[in-house]
Amino acid sequence: MKRIAIGGFLILSLVAVSACGGGGARNTTHMTTATTGQELTDLKAALDAGAISQAEYEKKRKEILKKKV
């Protein structure tokens, strides 16, 4: 009887642990190798090519300069 109780406990423990699964937490790391100057140059090129508006350019430019400080 004691073996059945221990076996049942082990099975329930394994099920409980395997159900955790990390809760769907996601870790994301953003890494860039572009310098601030390169990002700004690319952004200006996108503006000159008409790929983005002046407002989008200004917004992104501020973000780039802010994250580098």
C-alpha atoms as a PDB file:
ATOM      1  CA  MET A   1       0.000   0.000   0.000  1.00  0.00           C
ATOM      2  CA  LYS A   2       2.862   2.314   0.840  1.00  0.00           C
ATOM      3  CA  ARG A   3       4.447   1.673  -2.602  1.00  0.00           C
ATOM      4  CA  ILE A   4       1.220   2.619  -4.372  1.00  0.00           C
ATOM      5  CA  ALA A   5       0.973   5.840  -2.365  1.00  0.00           C
ATOM      6  CA  ILE A   6       4.596   6.758  -3.143  1.00  0.00           C
ATOM      7  CA  GLY A   7       4.163   5.838  -6.828  1.00  0.00           C
ATOM      8  CA  GLY A   8       1.000   7.926  -7.053  1.00  0.00           C
ATOM      9  CA  PHE A   9       2.729  10.852  -5.395  1.00  0.00           C
ATOM     10  CA  LEU A  10       5.643  10.653  -7.831  1.00  0.00           C
ATOM     11  CA  ILE A  11       3.316  10.545 -10.840  1.00  0.00           C
ATOM     12  CA  LEU A  12       1.317  13.519  -9.582  1.00  0.00           C
ATOM     13  CA  SER A  13       4.526  15.427  -8.883  1.00  0.00           C
ATOM     14  CA  LEU A  14       5.849  14.787 -12.378  1.00  0.00           C
ATOM     15  CA  VAL A  15       2.562  15.856 -13.956  1.00  0.00           C
ATOM     16  CA  ALA A  16       2.503  19.038 -11.884  1.00  0.00           C
ATOM     17  CA  VAL A  17       6.096  19.930 -12.758  1.00  0.00           C
ATOM     18  CA  SER A  18       5.686  19.192 -16.451  1.00  0.00           C
ATOM     19  CA  ALA A  19       2.531  21.309 -16.598  1.00  0.00           C
ATOM     20  CA  CYS A  20       4.431  24.411 -15.524  1.00  0.00           C
ATOM     21  CA  GLY A  21       6.220  24.853 -18.830  1.00  0.00           C
ATOM     22  CA  GLY A  22       7.406  28.354 -17.989  1.00  0.00           C
ATOM     23  CA  GLY A  23       4.001  29.990 -18.334  1.00  0.00           C
ATOM     24  CA  GLY A  24       4.636  31.135 -21.876  1.00  0.00           C
ATOM     25  CA  ALA A  25       7.178  33.727 -20.784  1.00  0.00           C
ATOM     26  CA  ARG A  26       9.235  34.974 -23.669  1.00  0.00           C
ATOM     27  CA  ASN A  27      12.663  36.566 -23.433  1.00  0.00           C
ATOM     28  CA  THR A  28      13.669  38.687 -26.367  1.00  0.00           C
ATOM     29  CA  THR A  29      17.015  40.327 -26.917  1.00  0.00           C
ATOM     30  CA  HIS A  30      17.476  42.975 -29.574  1.00  0.00           C
ATOM     31  CA  MET A  31      21.002  43.385 -30.787  1.00  0.00           C
ATOM     32  CA  THR A  32      22.207  45.761 -33.435  1.00  0.00           C
ATOM     33  CA  THR A  33      25.630  46.287 -34.915  1.00  0.00           C
ATOM     34  CA  ALA A  34      24.797  49.527 -36.715  1.00  0.00           C
ATOM     35  CA  THR A  35      26.259  52.696 -35.301  1.00  0.00           C
ATOM     36  CA  THR A  36      24.100  55.700 -34.516  1.00  0.00           C
ATOM     37  CA  GLY A  37      25.545  57.481 -37.522  1.00  0.00           C
ATOM     38  CA  GLN A  38      24.735  54.561 -39.823  1.00  0.00           C
ATOM     39  CA  GLU A  39      21.177  54.333 -38.515  1.00  0.00           C
ATOM     40  CA  LEU A  40      20.673  58.053 -39.091  1.00  0.00           C
ATOM     41  CA  THR A  41      22.199  57.831 -42.581  1.00  0.00           C
ATOM     42  CA  ASP A  42      19.913  54.926 -43.487  1.00  0.00           C
ATOM     43  CA  LEU A  43      16.923  56.784 -42.082  1.00  0.00           C
ATOM     44  CA  LYS A  44      17.741  59.882 -44.153  1.00  0.00           C
ATOM     45  CA  ALA A  45      18.106  57.725 -47.247  1.00  0.00           C
ATOM     46  CA  ALA A  46      14.650  56.259 -46.612  1.00  0.00           C
ATOM     47  CA  LEU A  47      13.230  59.775 -46.305  1.00  0.00           C
ATOM     48  CA  ASP A  48      14.961  60.939 -49.509  1.00  0.00           C
ATOM     49  CA  ALA A  49      13.696  57.866 -51.367  1.00  0.00           C
ATOM     50  CA  GLY A  50      10.139  58.603 -50.255  1.00  0.00           C
ATOM     51  CA  ALA A  51       9.857  55.382 -48.265  1.00  0.00           C
ATOM     52  CA  ILE A  52       8.883  57.272 -45.101  1.00  0.00           C
ATOM     53  CA  SER A  53       7.213  60.614 -44.385  1.00  0.00           C
ATOM     54  CA  GLN A  54       8.837  63.593 -42.713  1.00  0.00           C
ATOM     55  CA  ALA A  55       6.841  62.882 -39.547  1.00  0.00           C
ATOM     56  CA  GLU A  56       8.002  59.239 -39.503  1.00  0.00           C
ATOM     57  CA  TYR A  57      11.563  60.425 -40.059  1.00  0.00           C
ATOM     58  CA  GLU A  58      11.439  62.855 -37.147  1.00  0.00           C
ATOM     59  CA  LYS A  59       9.877  60.276 -34.822  1.00  0.00           C
ATOM     60  CA  LYS A  60      12.401  57.564 -35.651  1.00  0.00           C
ATOM     61  CA  ARG A  61      15.304  60.034 -35.519  1.00  0.00           C
ATOM     62  CA  LYS A  62      14.335  61.008 -31.969  1.00  0.00           C
ATOM     63  CA  GLU A  63      14.082  57.316 -30.976  1.00  0.00           C
ATOM     64  CA  ILE A  64      17.544  56.587 -32.379  1.00  0.00           C
ATOM     65  CA  LEU A  65      19.117  59.537 -30.617  1.00  0.00           C
ATOM     66  CA  LYS A  66      17.317  58.780 -27.352  1.00  0.00           C
ATOM     67  CA  LYS A  67      18.370  55.121 -27.163  1.00  0.00           C
ATOM     68  CA  LYS A  68      22.019  55.955 -27.732  1.00  0.00           C
ATOM     69  CA  VAL A  69      22.250  58.358 -24.790  1.00  0.00           C
END
